[in-house]
C-alpha atoms as a PDB file:
ATOM      1  CA  MET A   1      -2.454  -9.663 -11.941  1.00  0.00           C
ATOM      2  CA  GLU A   2       1.006  -9.376 -12.260  1.00  0.00           C
ATOM      3  CA  VAL A   3       2.741  -5.973 -11.579  1.00  0.00           C
ATOM      4  CA  PRO A   4       5.607  -5.695 -13.389  1.00  0.00           C
ATOM      5  CA  PRO A   5       7.696  -2.865 -11.424  1.00  0.00           C
ATOM      6  CA  ARG A   6      10.343  -3.953  -9.255  1.00  0.00           C
ATOM      7  CA  GLN A   7      10.095  -2.942  -5.737  1.00  0.00           C
ATOM      8  CA  SER A   8      13.330  -0.256  -6.092  1.00  0.00           C
ATOM      9  CA  ASP A   9      11.004   1.181  -9.007  1.00  0.00           C
ATOM     10  CA  ILE A  10       8.223   1.387  -6.120  1.00  0.00           C
ATOM     11  CA  ALA A  11      10.510   3.117  -3.845  1.00  0.00           C
ATOM     12  CA  ASP A  12      11.336   5.398  -6.355  1.00  0.00           C
ATOM     13  CA  LEU A  13       8.153   6.368  -7.472  1.00  0.00           C
ATOM     14  CA  LEU A  14       6.926   7.019  -3.604  1.00  0.00           C
ATOM     15  CA  ALA A  15      10.357   8.741  -2.936  1.00  0.00           C
ATOM     16  CA  VAL A  16      11.224   6.456   0.227  1.00  0.00           C
ATOM     17  CA  ARG A  17      13.698   3.651   0.744  1.00  0.00           C
ATOM     18  CA  ARG A  18      13.663   0.192  -0.790  1.00  0.00           C
ATOM     19  CA  ALA A  19      13.783  -1.542   2.379  1.00  0.00           C
ATOM     20  CA  GLY A  20      10.708   0.406   3.596  1.00  0.00           C
ATOM     21  CA  VAL A  21       8.756  -1.434   0.609  1.00  0.00           C
ATOM     22  CA  SER A  22      10.260  -4.592   0.980  1.00  0.00           C
ATOM     23  CA  THR A  23       9.025  -4.462   4.432  1.00  0.00           C
ATOM     24  CA  ALA A  24       5.574  -3.964   3.588  1.00  0.00           C
ATOM     25  CA  CYS A  25       5.404  -6.750   1.046  1.00  0.00           C
ATOM     26  CA  GLY A  26       6.752  -8.604   3.114  1.00  0.00           C
ATOM     27  CA  GLU A  27       3.624  -7.764   5.760  1.00  0.00           C
ATOM     28  CA  LEU A  28       1.216  -8.024   2.695  1.00  0.00           C
ATOM     29  CA  GLN A  29       2.948 -11.258   1.526  1.00  0.00           C
ATOM     30  CA  THR A  30       2.242 -12.501   5.304  1.00  0.00           C
ATOM     31  CA  ALA A  31      -1.504 -11.270   5.097  1.00  0.00           C
ATOM     32  CA  GLY A  32      -1.774 -13.456   1.976  1.00  0.00           C
ATOM     33  CA  ALA A  33      -2.536 -10.082  -0.140  1.00  0.00           C
ATOM     34  CA  ILE A  34       0.565 -10.539  -2.653  1.00  0.00           C
ATOM     35  CA  ARG A  35       3.313 -12.915  -3.467  1.00  0.00           C
ATOM     36  CA  VAL A  36       7.024 -11.652  -4.378  1.00  0.00           C
ATOM     37  CA  ARG A  37       8.576 -13.903  -7.090  1.00  0.00           C
ATOM     38  CA  ARG A  38      11.807 -13.030  -8.481  1.00  0.00           C
ATOM     39  CA  GLY A  39      11.235  -8.815  -9.122  1.00  0.00           C
ATOM     40  CA  VAL A  40       7.174  -9.566  -9.962  1.00  0.00           C
ATOM     41  CA  THR A  41       4.701  -8.718  -6.999  1.00  0.00           C
ATOM     42  CA  LEU A  42       1.323 -11.061  -8.130  1.00  0.00           C
ATOM     43  CA  LEU A  43      -1.808  -9.994  -6.452  1.00  0.00           C
ATOM     44  CA  SER A  44      -2.924 -12.666  -4.822  1.00  0.00           C
ATOM     45  CA  ASP A  45      -5.989 -11.366  -2.697  1.00  0.00           C
ATOM     46  CA  THR A  46      -7.722  -8.079  -3.816  1.00  0.00           C
ATOM     47  CA  ALA A  47      -9.730  -8.191  -0.910  1.00  0.00           C
ATOM     48  CA  ALA A  48      -6.496  -8.947   1.615  1.00  0.00           C
ATOM     49  CA  LEU A  49      -5.122  -5.847  -0.140  1.00  0.00           C
ATOM     50  CA  ARG A  50      -8.144  -3.894   0.228  1.00  0.00           C
ATOM     51  CA  LYS A  51      -8.297  -4.347   3.814  1.00  0.00           C
ATOM     52  CA  ALA A  52      -4.427  -3.763   4.750  1.00  0.00           C
ATOM     53  CA  SER A  53      -4.627  -0.968   3.138  1.00  0.00           C
ATOM     54  CA  ASP A  54      -7.611   0.434   5.073  1.00  0.00           C
ATOM     55  CA  PHE A  55      -6.519   2.977   7.746  1.00  0.00           C
ATOM     56  CA  THR A  56      -8.225   5.443  10.023  1.00  0.00           C
ATOM     57  CA  ARG A  57      -7.276   8.936   9.159  1.00  0.00           C
ATOM     58  CA  PRO A  58      -5.700  10.695  12.078  1.00  0.00           C
ATOM     59  CA  GLN A  59      -7.479  13.369  13.717  1.00  0.00           C
ATOM     60  CA  SER A  60      -6.098  16.823  12.321  1.00  0.00           C
ATOM     61  CA  SER A  61      -5.445  19.802  14.735  1.00  0.00           C
ATOM     62  CA  SER A  62      -6.312  21.986  11.629  1.00  0.00           C
ATOM     63  CA  PRO A  63      -9.280  24.336  12.113  1.00  0.00           C
ATOM     64  CA  HIS A  64     -10.572  23.000   8.652  1.00  0.00           C
ATOM     65  CA  ASN A  65     -13.139  19.921   8.707  1.00  0.00           C
ATOM     66  CA  PRO A  66     -11.271  16.806   7.987  1.00  0.00           C
ATOM     67  CA  ASP A  67     -14.196  15.008   6.774  1.00  0.00           C
ATOM     68  CA  ALA A  68     -15.237  17.912   4.321  1.00  0.00           C
ATOM     69  CA  PHE A  69     -14.735  15.619   0.908  1.00  0.00           C
ATOM     70  CA  GLU A  70     -16.091  12.635   2.474  1.00  0.00           C
ATOM     71  CA  SER A  71     -19.721  12.908   0.888  1.00  0.00           C
ATOM     72  CA  LEU A  72     -17.487  12.938  -2.779  1.00  0.00           C
ATOM     73  CA  THR A  73     -15.978   9.223  -2.076  1.00  0.00           C
END
């Protein structure tokens, strides 16, 4: 699957620097999840992309239950 936005477009959408998007893309490319070619990002392995995006939510110091919406997913 081809993703047309350039890294600078993605950076603008996320309100981050393009260098950060470039670093993340490099890590995803190393993991085999994407391939980047001349301004086009190809999703080459959606399972690897899904695995790379999985993270553990940090513990909240809030008195609210951070897992309150867990059953909605």
